[in-house]
Amino acid sequence: MRSVIIGASHGLGLALTEKLLSEDCYVVAGVIERDIPDTLKPLAEKYKDKLLVKSADVTNENEIKAFSAASSEFLSKIDAVCIVAGILLPDDAEKKLFEADMSVLRKTFDVNFFGPIVCAKYFYPLMKDGGKIITITSEAVGVCRVWPGTPGYALSKSAATKASGILNSSSENVEFYAVHPGRPMTLMNRNGEISAEESATGIYKLMAGITPLSREVWYVDYNGNPMDM
């Protein structure tokens, strides 16, 4: 399988990149850093011919355009793209929605919502003969299930999840999915319930088709189980 991971320098993205490489996949790892981050250097040395690391800031449309072209050149055919990149800012975790700093909300939406759409914009034309584009979202997207914490994160992930459904219904040959990764232990979620490796293994199986997916059910968890909206 030939795959692209966007947001690959740490946490779930790093674990997923390592899992794909261990399964003999070719991978393009998109990172926010301008140089290869220390976390990816061991993989870059071990899998020299199978891994390309490139800068991919999802808030920079021109950079994602260039990144998609480089990914296509390296992989020839792209089977799956997984957009892991996301943020949860401290201010969002500390304030209620009626206290929100608008600049924090805008930055959160810029990464968590507009980021996946920009990625879809430039990768979809390269994958019209098939493939999957997966956006990592959250369980915090339900319209009727709400809680006051992290409102910007929840709202941006809700929008990103709906966007996956709209993209899925708009495309004939490329499948779009929003995937809840469970609650992996990462820098964003230090109180996680599963390891990043367990979550990554489930997502790898979704990407590879080992766990079957149906386009009619485009919001699932990392094991392919349908999620409630």
C-alpha atoms as a PDB file:
ATOM      1  CA  MET A   1       0.000   0.000   0.000  1.00  0.00           C
ATOM      2  CA  ARG A   2       1.165   3.519  -0.805  1.00  0.00           C
ATOM      3  CA  SER A   3       0.021   6.043   1.768  1.00  0.00           C
ATOM      4  CA  VAL A   4       0.262   9.626   2.959  1.00  0.00           C
ATOM      5  CA  ILE A   5       0.121  10.604   6.641  1.00  0.00           C
ATOM      6  CA  ILE A   6      -0.350  14.295   7.406  1.00  0.00           C
ATOM      7  CA  GLY A   7       0.641  15.177  10.959  1.00  0.00           C
ATOM      8  CA  ALA A   8       3.248  12.434  11.299  1.00  0.00           C
ATOM      9  CA  SER A   9       5.865  13.833  13.657  1.00  0.00           C
ATOM     10  CA  HIS A  10       4.391  12.706  16.973  1.00  0.00           C
ATOM     11  CA  GLY A  11       1.555  10.891  18.719  1.00  0.00           C
ATOM     12  CA  LEU A  12      -0.923   8.971  16.608  1.00  0.00           C
ATOM     13  CA  GLY A  13       0.546  10.178  13.320  1.00  0.00           C
ATOM     14  CA  LEU A  14       3.995   8.918  14.256  1.00  0.00           C
ATOM     15  CA  ALA A  15       2.615   5.586  15.457  1.00  0.00           C
ATOM     16  CA  LEU A  16       0.631   5.190  12.236  1.00  0.00           C
ATOM     17  CA  THR A  17       3.654   6.008  10.090  1.00  0.00           C
ATOM     18  CA  GLU A  18       5.711   3.389  11.940  1.00  0.00           C
ATOM     19  CA  LYS A  19       2.928   0.808  11.621  1.00  0.00           C
ATOM     20  CA  LEU A  20       2.592   1.332   7.878  1.00  0.00           C
ATOM     21  CA  LEU A  21       6.333   1.025   7.326  1.00  0.00           C
ATOM     22  CA  SER A  22       6.476  -2.149   9.427  1.00  0.00           C
ATOM     23  CA  GLU A  23       3.805  -3.594   7.119  1.00  0.00           C
ATOM     24  CA  ASP A  24       6.027  -2.964   4.080  1.00  0.00           C
ATOM     25  CA  CYS A  25       4.084   0.090   2.902  1.00  0.00           C
ATOM     26  CA  TYR A  26       5.503   3.131   1.145  1.00  0.00           C
ATOM     27  CA  VAL A  27       4.780   6.297   3.109  1.00  0.00           C
ATOM     28  CA  VAL A  28       4.977  10.051   2.644  1.00  0.00           C
ATOM     29  CA  ALA A  29       5.013  11.669   6.088  1.00  0.00           C
ATOM     30  CA  GLY A  30       3.784  15.244   6.256  1.00  0.00           C
ATOM     31  CA  VAL A  31       5.113  17.288   9.173  1.00  0.00           C
ATOM     32  CA  ILE A  32       4.831  20.856  10.398  1.00  0.00           C
ATOM     33  CA  GLU A  33       8.602  21.136  10.767  1.00  0.00           C
ATOM     34  CA  ARG A  34      10.854  22.431   7.971  1.00  0.00           C
ATOM     35  CA  ASP A  35      13.436  19.709   8.577  1.00  0.00           C
ATOM     36  CA  ILE A  36      13.020  16.034   9.443  1.00  0.00           C
ATOM     37  CA  PRO A  37      11.987  16.016  13.127  1.00  0.00           C
ATOM     38  CA  ASP A  38      14.054  13.955  15.561  1.00  0.00           C
ATOM     39  CA  THR A  39      11.086  11.646  16.137  1.00  0.00           C
ATOM     40  CA  LEU A  40      11.150  10.521  12.491  1.00  0.00           C
ATOM     41  CA  LYS A  41      14.905  10.319  11.976  1.00  0.00           C
ATOM     42  CA  PRO A  42      15.202   6.669  13.090  1.00  0.00           C
ATOM     43  CA  LEU A  43      12.462   5.665  10.638  1.00  0.00           C
ATOM     44  CA  ALA A  44      14.014   7.752   7.861  1.00  0.00           C
ATOM     45  CA  GLU A  45      17.308   5.913   8.378  1.00  0.00           C
ATOM     46  CA  LYS A  46      15.732   2.442   8.646  1.00  0.00           C
ATOM     47  CA  TYR A  47      13.319   2.817   5.717  1.00  0.00           C
ATOM     48  CA  LYS A  48      15.335   4.994   3.360  1.00  0.00           C
ATOM     49  CA  ASP A  49      13.629   3.811   0.181  1.00  0.00           C
ATOM     50  CA  LYS A  50      10.093   3.597   1.569  1.00  0.00           C
ATOM     51  CA  LEU A  51       9.721   6.877   3.484  1.00  0.00           C
ATOM     52  CA  LEU A  52       9.660  10.472   2.301  1.00  0.00           C
ATOM     53  CA  VAL A  53       9.344  13.228   4.915  1.00  0.00           C
ATOM     54  CA  LYS A  54       8.098  16.612   3.695  1.00  0.00           C
ATOM     55  CA  SER A  55       6.757  19.793   5.245  1.00  0.00           C
ATOM     56  CA  ALA A  56       2.949  19.901   5.181  1.00  0.00           C
ATOM     57  CA  ASP A  57       1.402  22.785   7.089  1.00  0.00           C
ATOM     58  CA  VAL A  58      -2.351  22.349   6.593  1.00  0.00           C
ATOM     59  CA  THR A  59      -2.900  26.090   7.124  1.00  0.00           C
ATOM     60  CA  ASN A  60      -0.722  26.869   4.090  1.00  0.00           C
ATOM     61  CA  GLU A  61      -2.575  26.009   0.881  1.00  0.00           C
ATOM     62  CA  ASN A  62       0.437  26.484  -1.386  1.00  0.00           C
ATOM     63  CA  GLU A  63       2.486  24.174   0.805  1.00  0.00           C
ATOM     64  CA  ILE A  64      -0.173  21.449   0.692  1.00  0.00           C
ATOM     65  CA  LYS A  65      -0.379  21.841  -3.088  1.00  0.00           C
ATOM     66  CA  ALA A  66       3.388  21.278  -3.349  1.00  0.00           C
ATOM     67  CA  PHE A  67       3.237  18.460  -0.800  1.00  0.00           C
ATOM     68  CA  SER A  68       0.559  16.604  -2.756  1.00  0.00           C
ATOM     69  CA  ALA A  69       2.620  16.860  -5.953  1.00  0.00           C
ATOM     70  CA  ALA A  70       5.729  15.550  -4.174  1.00  0.00           C
ATOM     71  CA  SER A  71       3.682  12.715  -2.680  1.00  0.00           C
ATOM     72  CA  SER A  72       2.359  11.722  -6.089  1.00  0.00           C
ATOM     73  CA  GLU A  73       5.828  11.771  -7.597  1.00  0.00           C
ATOM     74  CA  PHE A  74       7.279   9.599  -4.809  1.00  0.00           C
ATOM     75  CA  LEU A  75       4.431   7.085  -4.604  1.00  0.00           C
ATOM     76  CA  SER A  76       3.272   7.070  -8.260  1.00  0.00           C
ATOM     77  CA  LYS A  77      -0.155   5.824  -7.103  1.00  0.00           C
ATOM     78  CA  ILE A  78      -1.694   6.979  -3.806  1.00  0.00           C
ATOM     79  CA  ASP A  79      -3.891   4.347  -2.162  1.00  0.00           C
ATOM     80  CA  ALA A  80      -4.757   6.129   1.077  1.00  0.00           C
ATOM     81  CA  VAL A  81      -4.363   9.498   2.781  1.00  0.00           C
ATOM     82  CA  CYS A  82      -4.840   9.942   6.530  1.00  0.00           C
ATOM     83  CA  ILE A  83      -5.114  13.472   7.920  1.00  0.00           C
ATOM     84  CA  VAL A  84      -4.078  13.277  11.561  1.00  0.00           C
ATOM     85  CA  ALA A  85      -2.982  16.901  11.998  1.00  0.00           C
ATOM     86  CA  GLY A  86      -5.034  18.659  14.644  1.00  0.00           C
ATOM     87  CA  ILE A  87      -4.768  21.003  17.614  1.00  0.00           C
ATOM     88  CA  LEU A  88      -6.345  21.543  21.006  1.00  0.00           C
ATOM     89  CA  LEU A  89      -5.125  24.863  22.359  1.00  0.00           C
ATOM     90  CA  PRO A  90      -4.808  25.505  26.131  1.00  0.00           C
ATOM     91  CA  ASP A  91      -7.144  28.485  25.999  1.00  0.00           C
ATOM     92  CA  ASP A  92      -9.836  26.295  24.454  1.00  0.00           C
ATOM     93  CA  ALA A  93      -9.477  23.761  27.256  1.00  0.00           C
ATOM     94  CA  GLU A  94      -9.811  26.429  29.937  1.00  0.00           C
ATOM     95  CA  LYS A  95     -12.676  28.638  28.744  1.00  0.00           C
ATOM     96  CA  LYS A  96     -16.368  28.180  28.049  1.00  0.00           C
ATOM     97  CA  LEU A  97     -17.617  29.051  24.585  1.00  0.00           C
ATOM     98  CA  PHE A  98     -19.073  32.382  25.736  1.00  0.00           C
ATOM     99  CA  GLU A  99     -15.598  33.295  27.045  1.00  0.00           C
ATOM    100  CA  ALA A 100     -13.758  32.246  23.892  1.00  0.00           C
ATOM    101  CA  ASP A 101     -10.939  34.187  22.326  1.00  0.00           C
ATOM    102  CA  MET A 102     -11.969  34.458  18.680  1.00  0.00           C
ATOM    103  CA  SER A 103      -8.372  34.166  17.495  1.00  0.00           C
ATOM    104  CA  VAL A 104      -8.120  30.798  19.261  1.00  0.00           C
ATOM    105  CA  LEU A 105     -11.362  29.613  17.665  1.00  0.00           C
ATOM    106  CA  ARG A 106     -10.200  30.722  14.218  1.00  0.00           C
ATOM    107  CA  LYS A 107      -6.826  29.009  14.590  1.00  0.00           C
ATOM    108  CA  THR A 108      -8.520  25.816  15.778  1.00  0.00           C
ATOM    109  CA  PHE A 109     -10.863  25.812  12.791  1.00  0.00           C
ATOM    110  CA  ASP A 110      -8.014  26.672  10.440  1.00  0.00           C
ATOM    111  CA  VAL A 111      -6.194  23.468  11.395  1.00  0.00           C
ATOM    112  CA  ASN A 112      -8.972  21.056  12.351  1.00  0.00           C
ATOM    113  CA  PHE A 113     -11.610  21.973   9.755  1.00  0.00           C
ATOM    114  CA  PHE A 114     -10.117  23.904   6.852  1.00  0.00           C
ATOM    115  CA  GLY A 115      -6.941  21.792   6.952  1.00  0.00           C
ATOM    116  CA  PRO A 116      -8.634  18.526   5.897  1.00  0.00           C
ATOM    117  CA  ILE A 117     -10.586  20.329   3.174  1.00  0.00           C
ATOM    118  CA  VAL A 118      -7.405  21.818   1.711  1.00  0.00           C
ATOM    119  CA  CYS A 119      -5.822  18.354   1.771  1.00  0.00           C
ATOM    120  CA  ALA A 120      -8.854  16.852   0.027  1.00  0.00           C
ATOM    121  CA  LYS A 121      -8.748  19.624  -2.578  1.00  0.00           C
ATOM    122  CA  TYR A 122      -5.245  18.699  -3.720  1.00  0.00           C
ATOM    123  CA  PHE A 123      -5.160  14.943  -3.127  1.00  0.00           C
ATOM    124  CA  TYR A 124      -8.546  14.083  -4.631  1.00  0.00           C
ATOM    125  CA  PRO A 125      -7.487  14.860  -8.225  1.00  0.00           C
ATOM    126  CA  LEU A 126      -4.515  12.511  -7.773  1.00  0.00           C
ATOM    127  CA  MET A 127      -6.737   9.657  -6.548  1.00  0.00           C
ATOM    128  CA  LYS A 128      -9.692   9.697  -8.934  1.00  0.00           C
ATOM    129  CA  ASP A 129      -9.028   6.081  -9.899  1.00  0.00           C
ATOM    130  CA  GLY A 130      -9.743   4.971  -6.334  1.00  0.00           C
ATOM    131  CA  GLY A 131      -8.458   5.180  -2.777  1.00  0.00           C
ATOM    132  CA  LYS A 132      -9.463   6.444   0.649  1.00  0.00           C
ATOM    133  CA  ILE A 133      -9.054   9.794   2.354  1.00  0.00           C
ATOM    134  CA  ILE A 134      -9.470   9.512   6.128  1.00  0.00           C
ATOM    135  CA  THR A 135      -9.751  12.442   8.509  1.00  0.00           C
ATOM    136  CA  ILE A 136      -9.123  11.763  12.180  1.00  0.00           C
ATOM    137  CA  THR A 137     -11.926  13.458  14.056  1.00  0.00           C
ATOM    138  CA  SER A 138     -13.356  12.730  17.500  1.00  0.00           C
ATOM    139  CA  GLU A 139     -16.188  11.293  19.529  1.00  0.00           C
ATOM    140  CA  ALA A 140     -16.958  14.893  20.590  1.00  0.00           C
ATOM    141  CA  VAL A 141     -18.954  15.677  17.465  1.00  0.00           C
ATOM    142  CA  GLY A 142     -22.491  14.614  18.349  1.00  0.00           C
ATOM    143  CA  VAL A 143     -25.093  17.327  17.787  1.00  0.00           C
ATOM    144  CA  CYS A 144     -27.217  16.189  20.725  1.00  0.00           C
ATOM    145  CA  ARG A 145     -24.398  14.992  23.007  1.00  0.00           C
ATOM    146  CA  VAL A 146     -22.679  18.117  24.268  1.00  0.00           C
ATOM    147  CA  TRP A 147     -20.452  19.156  27.157  1.00  0.00           C
ATOM    148  CA  PRO A 148     -18.944  22.543  27.940  1.00  0.00           C
ATOM    149  CA  GLY A 149     -15.256  21.634  27.700  1.00  0.00           C
ATOM    150  CA  THR A 150     -13.013  22.288  24.668  1.00  0.00           C
ATOM    151  CA  PRO A 151     -15.779  23.947  22.605  1.00  0.00           C
ATOM    152  CA  GLY A 152     -13.554  25.078  19.739  1.00  0.00           C
ATOM    153  CA  TYR A 153     -12.076  21.599  19.352  1.00  0.00           C
ATOM    154  CA  ALA A 154     -15.504  19.941  19.468  1.00  0.00           C
ATOM    155  CA  LEU A 155     -17.052  22.355  16.978  1.00  0.00           C
ATOM    156  CA  SER A 156     -14.133  22.120  14.545  1.00  0.00           C
ATOM    157  CA  LYS A 157     -14.165  18.313  14.661  1.00  0.00           C
ATOM    158  CA  SER A 158     -17.935  18.287  14.168  1.00  0.00           C
ATOM    159  CA  ALA A 159     -17.486  20.400  11.044  1.00  0.00           C
ATOM    160  CA  ALA A 160     -14.637  18.193   9.791  1.00  0.00           C
ATOM    161  CA  THR A 161     -16.763  15.089  10.298  1.00  0.00           C
ATOM    162  CA  LYS A 162     -19.670  16.568   8.327  1.00  0.00           C
ATOM    163  CA  ALA A 163     -17.205  17.643   5.628  1.00  0.00           C
ATOM    164  CA  SER A 164     -16.095  14.011   5.212  1.00  0.00           C
ATOM    165  CA  GLY A 165     -19.704  13.033   4.618  1.00  0.00           C
ATOM    166  CA  ILE A 166     -20.216  15.790   2.058  1.00  0.00           C
ATOM    167  CA  LEU A 167     -16.990  14.874   0.277  1.00  0.00           C
ATOM    168  CA  ASN A 168     -17.964  11.206   0.303  1.00  0.00           C
ATOM    169  CA  SER A 169     -21.326  11.973  -1.300  1.00  0.00           C
ATOM    170  CA  SER A 170     -19.634  14.201  -3.888  1.00  0.00           C
ATOM    171  CA  SER A 171     -17.116  11.628  -5.099  1.00  0.00           C
ATOM    172  CA  GLU A 172     -17.679   8.535  -7.233  1.00  0.00           C
ATOM    173  CA  ASN A 173     -14.317   6.817  -6.980  1.00  0.00           C
ATOM    174  CA  VAL A 174     -12.578   8.125  -3.855  1.00  0.00           C
ATOM    175  CA  GLU A 175     -13.960   7.170  -0.448  1.00  0.00           C
ATOM    176  CA  PHE A 176     -13.946   9.686   2.393  1.00  0.00           C
ATOM    177  CA  TYR A 177     -14.213   8.702   6.064  1.00  0.00           C
ATOM    178  CA  ALA A 178     -14.174  10.478   9.418  1.00  0.00           C
ATOM    179  CA  VAL A 179     -12.561   8.246  12.040  1.00  0.00           C
ATOM    180  CA  HIS A 180     -12.689   8.496  15.813  1.00  0.00           C
ATOM    181  CA  PRO A 181      -9.284   7.167  16.972  1.00  0.00           C
ATOM    182  CA  GLY A 182     -10.461   5.992  20.387  1.00  0.00           C
ATOM    183  CA  ARG A 183      -8.753   7.733  23.273  1.00  0.00           C
ATOM    184  CA  PRO A 184      -5.056   7.128  22.595  1.00  0.00           C
ATOM    185  CA  MET A 185      -2.384   8.361  24.965  1.00  0.00           C
ATOM    186  CA  THR A 186      -0.712  11.275  23.171  1.00  0.00           C
ATOM    187  CA  LEU A 187       0.566  14.763  23.933  1.00  0.00           C
ATOM    188  CA  MET A 188      -2.957  16.035  23.267  1.00  0.00           C
ATOM    189  CA  ASN A 189      -4.572  13.426  25.504  1.00  0.00           C
ATOM    190  CA  ARG A 190      -2.285  12.371  28.350  1.00  0.00           C
ATOM    191  CA  ASN A 191      -5.173  10.582  30.072  1.00  0.00           C
ATOM    192  CA  GLY A 192      -5.865   8.264  27.173  1.00  0.00           C
ATOM    193  CA  GLU A 193      -7.311   4.793  27.583  1.00  0.00           C
ATOM    194  CA  ILE A 194      -5.419   2.977  24.816  1.00  0.00           C
ATOM    195  CA  SER A 195      -1.947   3.222  23.352  1.00  0.00           C
ATOM    196  CA  ALA A 196      -1.263   5.203  20.199  1.00  0.00           C
ATOM    197  CA  GLU A 197      -0.020   1.934  18.693  1.00  0.00           C
ATOM    198  CA  GLU A 198      -3.380   0.201  19.254  1.00  0.00           C
ATOM    199  CA  SER A 199      -5.234   3.067  17.623  1.00  0.00           C
ATOM    200  CA  ALA A 200      -2.741   3.154  14.739  1.00  0.00           C
ATOM    201  CA  THR A 201      -3.141  -0.577  14.122  1.00  0.00           C
ATOM    202  CA  GLY A 202      -6.893  -0.162  13.793  1.00  0.00           C
ATOM    203  CA  ILE A 203      -6.554   2.786  11.426  1.00  0.00           C
ATOM    204  CA  TYR A 204      -3.977   0.910   9.328  1.00  0.00           C
ATOM    205  CA  LYS A 205      -6.506  -1.922   8.901  1.00  0.00           C
ATOM    206  CA  LEU A 206      -9.122   0.589   7.733  1.00  0.00           C
ATOM    207  CA  MET A 207      -6.685   2.115   5.253  1.00  0.00           C
ATOM    208  CA  ALA A 208      -5.582  -1.271   3.915  1.00  0.00           C
ATOM    209  CA  GLY A 209      -9.100  -2.703   3.638  1.00  0.00           C
ATOM    210  CA  ILE A 210      -8.409  -5.426   6.206  1.00  0.00           C
ATOM    211  CA  THR A 211     -11.324  -4.028   8.203  1.00  0.00           C
ATOM    212  CA  PRO A 212     -14.118  -3.539   5.655  1.00  0.00           C
ATOM    213  CA  LEU A 213     -15.817  -0.165   5.305  1.00  0.00           C
ATOM    214  CA  SER A 214     -19.048   0.882   3.645  1.00  0.00           C
ATOM    215  CA  ARG A 215     -19.483   4.279   2.031  1.00  0.00           C
ATOM    216  CA  GLU A 216     -22.952   4.460   3.541  1.00  0.00           C
ATOM    217  CA  VAL A 217     -21.320   4.572   7.002  1.00  0.00           C
ATOM    218  CA  TRP A 218     -18.616   7.212   6.698  1.00  0.00           C
ATOM    219  CA  TYR A 219     -18.188   8.102  10.406  1.00  0.00           C
ATOM    220  CA  VAL A 220     -16.616   5.181  12.270  1.00  0.00           C
ATOM    221  CA  ASP A 221     -14.213   4.420  15.088  1.00  0.00           C
ATOM    222  CA  TYR A 222     -10.722   2.999  14.627  1.00  0.00           C
ATOM    223  CA  ASN A 223     -12.117  -0.537  14.568  1.00  0.00           C
ATOM    224  CA  GLY A 224     -14.646   0.305  11.868  1.00  0.00           C
ATOM    225  CA  ASN A 225     -17.659   0.462  14.172  1.00  0.00           C
ATOM    226  CA  PRO A 226     -20.306   3.071  13.257  1.00  0.00           C
ATOM    227  CA  MET A 227     -20.307   6.227  15.376  1.00  0.00           C
ATOM    228  CA  ASP A 228     -23.403   8.168  16.408  1.00  0.00           C
ATOM    229  CA  MET A 229     -23.832  11.721  15.144  1.00  0.00           C
END
